[in-house]
Amino acid sequence: MAISTQLEYVKNNKATLDKKYNGQYVVISKALEEKAFNTLDEAYLFGANNWGLGNFLLQQFGNFNNQVHIINQTITVL
């Protein structure tokens, strides 16, 4: 899995990340660089443009039920 490092990082640091980024969308690179945004669109575009699809984890942090967004690149040939 391309983002296994990021998933493990989030698992081990969830409480800290929830407190630090409460309500924000965060993209995490393979090098574990974190960038926070107020909207999902901003976060997704930053990750895609700077690290490439499939190379980052995108998650909203905070004290609520949150979801992990795994972004994978798909190519369709017609």
Protein backbone atom coordinates (compact mmCIF):
# COMPACT_ATOMS: atom_id res chain seq x y z
CA MET A 1 0.00 0.00 0.00
CA ALA A 2 1.41 3.34 -1.05
CA ILE A 3 0.26 5.19 2.07
CA SER A 4 0.96 2.58 4.76
CA THR A 5 3.50 4.90 6.40
CA GLN A 6 0.93 7.67 6.71
CA LEU A 7 -1.75 5.32 8.06
CA GLU A 8 0.61 4.05 10.75
CA TYR A 9 1.59 7.64 11.62
CA VAL A 10 -2.06 8.66 12.05
CA LYS A 11 -2.79 5.55 14.12
CA ASN A 12 0.11 6.32 16.48
CA ASN A 13 -0.57 10.09 16.74
CA LYS A 14 -4.35 10.40 16.40
CA ALA A 15 -5.00 12.16 19.72
CA THR A 16 -2.32 14.78 19.05
CA LEU A 17 -3.47 15.33 15.46
CA ASP A 18 -7.12 15.64 16.57
CA LYS A 19 -6.19 18.35 19.06
CA LYS A 20 -3.78 20.19 16.74
CA TYR A 21 -6.05 20.22 13.66
CA ASN A 22 -9.54 20.17 15.19
CA GLY A 23 -12.01 20.35 12.29
CA GLN A 24 -9.38 20.84 9.57
CA TYR A 25 -8.55 18.62 6.61
CA VAL A 26 -4.94 17.50 6.65
CA VAL A 27 -2.86 15.99 3.87
CA ILE A 28 0.13 13.92 4.94
CA SER A 29 2.96 13.12 2.52
CA LYS A 30 5.12 10.00 2.38
CA ALA A 31 7.76 12.02 4.29
CA LEU A 32 5.07 12.70 6.95
CA GLU A 33 4.88 16.40 6.10
CA GLU A 34 1.52 17.78 7.27
CA LYS A 35 -0.47 20.57 5.59
CA ALA A 36 -3.84 21.69 7.00
CA PHE A 37 -6.78 23.23 5.12
CA ASN A 38 -10.29 24.39 5.97
CA THR A 39 -11.96 22.57 3.07
CA LEU A 40 -11.70 19.12 1.56
CA ASP A 41 -11.31 20.61 -1.92
CA GLU A 42 -8.32 22.75 -0.91
CA ALA A 43 -6.64 19.80 0.78
CA TYR A 44 -7.22 17.43 -2.13
CA LEU A 45 -5.95 19.90 -4.73
CA PHE A 46 -2.83 20.66 -2.69
CA GLY A 47 -2.02 16.97 -2.26
CA ALA A 48 -2.66 16.12 -5.91
CA ASN A 49 -0.70 19.10 -7.26
CA ASN A 50 2.27 18.82 -4.89
CA TRP A 51 2.64 15.12 -4.09
CA GLY A 52 0.65 13.36 -6.82
CA LEU A 53 -2.41 11.15 -6.60
CA GLY A 54 -1.85 8.01 -4.55
CA ASN A 55 1.04 9.59 -2.63
CA PHE A 56 -0.76 11.24 0.26
CA LEU A 57 -3.32 10.59 2.95
CA LEU A 58 -6.16 13.06 3.43
CA GLN A 59 -8.12 13.09 6.68
CA GLN A 60 -10.25 15.47 8.69
CA PHE A 61 -9.14 15.58 12.31
CA GLY A 62 -11.06 16.50 15.43
CA ASN A 63 -13.23 15.05 18.13
CA PHE A 64 -15.91 13.46 15.95
CA ASN A 65 -16.32 10.39 13.77
CA ASN A 66 -13.82 10.97 11.01
CA GLN A 67 -12.99 9.17 7.82
CA VAL A 68 -9.73 8.34 6.09
CA HIS A 69 -9.73 9.39 2.45
CA ILE A 70 -7.44 7.24 0.35
CA ILE A 71 -6.78 8.90 -2.97
CA ASN A 72 -5.78 6.54 -5.79
CA GLN A 73 -4.98 7.49 -9.34
CA THR A 74 -7.11 5.85 -12.02
CA ILE A 75 -6.44 6.01 -15.72
CA THR A 76 -9.14 5.09 -18.22
CA VAL A 77 -8.19 4.36 -21.80
CA LEU A 78 -10.96 4.65 -24.37
